[in-house]
Amino acid sequence: MQSNWWKLLGLAGVVSVVATGAVIARGERQRRAYTPDEVRERLHERHARAQQNGS
């Protein structure tokens, strides 16, 4: 019975690593989908908001 818990814990660890990798890959695909102009526009918007909040 004791070894079954370790096997289950190991399997849960592997599943969590795979799930984390999938989330990271998804974010990377979304980030690469932006055109350079879209990235520039978003950065300008974020900068303008930061300047408003900081003042």
N, C-alpha and C. Protein backbone atom coordinates (compact mmCIF):
# COMPACT_ATOMS: atom_id res chain seq x y z
N MET A 1 0.82 -1.20 0.00
CA MET A 1 0.00 0.00 0.00
C MET A 1 0.86 1.26 0.00
N GLN A 2 1.96 1.22 0.74
CA GLN A 2 2.84 2.38 0.85
C GLN A 2 3.41 2.77 -0.52
N SER A 3 3.82 1.79 -1.32
CA SER A 3 4.42 2.11 -2.61
C SER A 3 3.39 2.67 -3.58
N ASN A 4 2.12 2.33 -3.41
CA ASN A 4 1.09 2.88 -4.28
C ASN A 4 0.96 4.39 -4.10
N TRP A 5 1.11 4.86 -2.87
CA TRP A 5 1.05 6.31 -2.63
C TRP A 5 2.19 7.03 -3.33
N TRP A 6 3.40 6.43 -3.29
CA TRP A 6 4.54 7.05 -3.95
C TRP A 6 4.35 7.07 -5.46
N LYS A 7 3.78 6.01 -5.99
CA LYS A 7 3.52 5.96 -7.43
C LYS A 7 2.49 7.02 -7.81
N LEU A 8 1.46 7.14 -7.02
CA LEU A 8 0.43 8.14 -7.27
C LEU A 8 1.00 9.56 -7.16
N LEU A 9 1.83 9.78 -6.17
CA LEU A 9 2.46 11.09 -5.99
C LEU A 9 3.39 11.41 -7.18
N GLY A 10 4.13 10.42 -7.64
CA GLY A 10 5.01 10.61 -8.80
C GLY A 10 4.21 10.91 -10.06
N LEU A 11 3.12 10.21 -10.24
CA LEU A 11 2.26 10.44 -11.40
C LEU A 11 1.67 11.85 -11.35
N ALA A 12 1.24 12.27 -10.17
CA ALA A 12 0.69 13.62 -10.02
C ALA A 12 1.76 14.67 -10.35
N GLY A 13 2.99 14.43 -9.97
CA GLY A 13 4.08 15.35 -10.29
C GLY A 13 4.32 15.45 -11.78
N VAL A 14 4.30 14.31 -12.46
CA VAL A 14 4.50 14.30 -13.91
C VAL A 14 3.36 15.04 -14.60
N VAL A 15 2.14 14.81 -14.15
CA VAL A 15 0.99 15.49 -14.75
C VAL A 15 1.09 16.99 -14.56
N SER A 16 1.53 17.43 -13.38
CA SER A 16 1.64 18.87 -13.15
C SER A 16 2.72 19.50 -14.02
N VAL A 17 3.81 18.82 -14.25
CA VAL A 17 4.88 19.33 -15.12
C VAL A 17 4.36 19.46 -16.55
N VAL A 18 3.64 18.46 -17.02
CA VAL A 18 3.10 18.49 -18.38
C VAL A 18 2.08 19.63 -18.52
N ALA A 19 1.23 19.79 -17.51
CA ALA A 19 0.22 20.86 -17.57
C ALA A 19 0.89 22.23 -17.57
N THR A 20 1.92 22.41 -16.77
CA THR A 20 2.64 23.68 -16.75
C THR A 20 3.28 23.97 -18.10
N GLY A 21 3.87 22.96 -18.71
CA GLY A 21 4.46 23.13 -20.03
C GLY A 21 3.43 23.51 -21.07
N ALA A 22 2.25 22.93 -20.98
CA ALA A 22 1.19 23.27 -21.93
C ALA A 22 0.75 24.71 -21.78
N VAL A 23 0.64 25.18 -20.54
CA VAL A 23 0.24 26.57 -20.29
C VAL A 23 1.30 27.53 -20.82
N ILE A 24 2.54 27.22 -20.60
CA ILE A 24 3.64 28.07 -21.09
C ILE A 24 3.65 28.10 -22.62
N ALA A 25 3.48 26.95 -23.25
CA ALA A 25 3.47 26.88 -24.72
C ALA A 25 2.30 27.69 -25.28
N ARG A 26 1.15 27.61 -24.63
CA ARG A 26 -0.01 28.36 -25.10
C ARG A 26 0.25 29.86 -25.02
N GLY A 27 0.82 30.30 -23.92
CA GLY A 27 1.15 31.72 -23.78
C GLY A 27 2.15 32.18 -24.82
N GLU A 28 3.11 31.35 -25.11
CA GLU A 28 4.12 31.69 -26.12
C GLU A 28 3.49 31.82 -27.50
N ARG A 29 2.58 30.92 -27.84
CA ARG A 29 1.90 31.01 -29.13
C ARG A 29 1.07 32.28 -29.23
N GLN A 30 0.39 32.63 -28.15
CA GLN A 30 -0.42 33.85 -28.16
C GLN A 30 0.48 35.08 -28.29
N ARG A 31 1.61 35.07 -27.60
CA ARG A 31 2.52 36.21 -27.64
C ARG A 31 3.12 36.38 -29.03
N ARG A 32 3.45 35.29 -29.68
CA ARG A 32 4.06 35.37 -31.02
C ARG A 32 3.05 35.71 -32.10
N ALA A 33 1.76 35.66 -31.78
CA ALA A 33 0.73 35.96 -32.77
C ALA A 33 0.59 37.46 -33.03
N TYR A 34 1.17 38.30 -32.17
CA TYR A 34 1.08 39.75 -32.35
C TYR A 34 2.03 40.20 -33.45
N THR A 35 1.58 41.17 -34.23
CA THR A 35 2.47 41.79 -35.20
C THR A 35 3.33 42.82 -34.46
N PRO A 36 4.45 43.23 -35.03
CA PRO A 36 5.27 44.24 -34.36
C PRO A 36 4.51 45.53 -34.08
N ASP A 37 3.62 45.92 -34.98
CA ASP A 37 2.84 47.14 -34.75
C ASP A 37 1.90 46.97 -33.56
N GLU A 38 1.31 45.79 -33.42
CA GLU A 38 0.43 45.53 -32.28
C GLU A 38 1.21 45.56 -30.97
N VAL A 39 2.40 44.99 -30.97
CA VAL A 39 3.24 45.00 -29.77
C VAL A 39 3.58 46.44 -29.40
N ARG A 40 3.98 47.23 -30.38
CA ARG A 40 4.34 48.62 -30.14
C ARG A 40 3.15 49.40 -29.57
N GLU A 41 1.97 49.19 -30.17
CA GLU A 41 0.76 49.88 -29.71
C GLU A 41 0.43 49.50 -28.27
N ARG A 42 0.53 48.21 -27.94
CA ARG A 42 0.25 47.77 -26.57
C ARG A 42 1.24 48.35 -25.58
N LEU A 43 2.51 48.41 -25.96
CA LEU A 43 3.51 48.99 -25.07
C LEU A 43 3.26 50.47 -24.83
N HIS A 44 2.87 51.19 -25.88
CA HIS A 44 2.55 52.61 -25.72
C HIS A 44 1.35 52.80 -24.80
N GLU A 45 0.34 51.94 -24.94
CA GLU A 45 -0.84 52.02 -24.07
C GLU A 45 -0.46 51.75 -22.62
N ARG A 46 0.35 50.72 -22.39
CA ARG A 46 0.77 50.40 -21.02
C ARG A 46 1.60 51.53 -20.43
N HIS A 47 2.45 52.12 -21.23
CA HIS A 47 3.28 53.22 -20.74
C HIS A 47 2.41 54.43 -20.37
N ALA A 48 1.43 54.72 -21.22
CA ALA A 48 0.54 55.85 -20.93
C ALA A 48 -0.24 55.61 -19.64
N ARG A 49 -0.73 54.38 -19.44
CA ARG A 49 -1.45 54.07 -18.20
C ARG A 49 -0.53 54.17 -16.98
N ALA A 50 0.70 53.74 -17.13
CA ALA A 50 1.65 53.80 -16.02
C ALA A 50 1.95 55.26 -15.67
N GLN A 51 2.06 56.10 -16.68
CA GLN A 51 2.33 57.51 -16.43
C GLN A 51 1.15 58.17 -15.71
N GLN A 52 -0.07 57.81 -16.09
CA GLN A 52 -1.25 58.36 -15.42
C GLN A 52 -1.33 57.93 -13.98
N ASN A 53 -1.06 56.66 -13.71
CA ASN A 53 -1.14 56.13 -12.35
C ASN A 53 -0.01 56.63 -11.48
N GLY A 54 1.12 56.91 -12.07
CA GLY A 54 2.28 57.35 -11.31
C GLY A 54 2.26 58.82 -10.95
N SER A 55 1.49 59.61 -11.67
CA SER A 55 1.48 61.05 -11.43
C SER A 55 0.53 61.46 -10.36
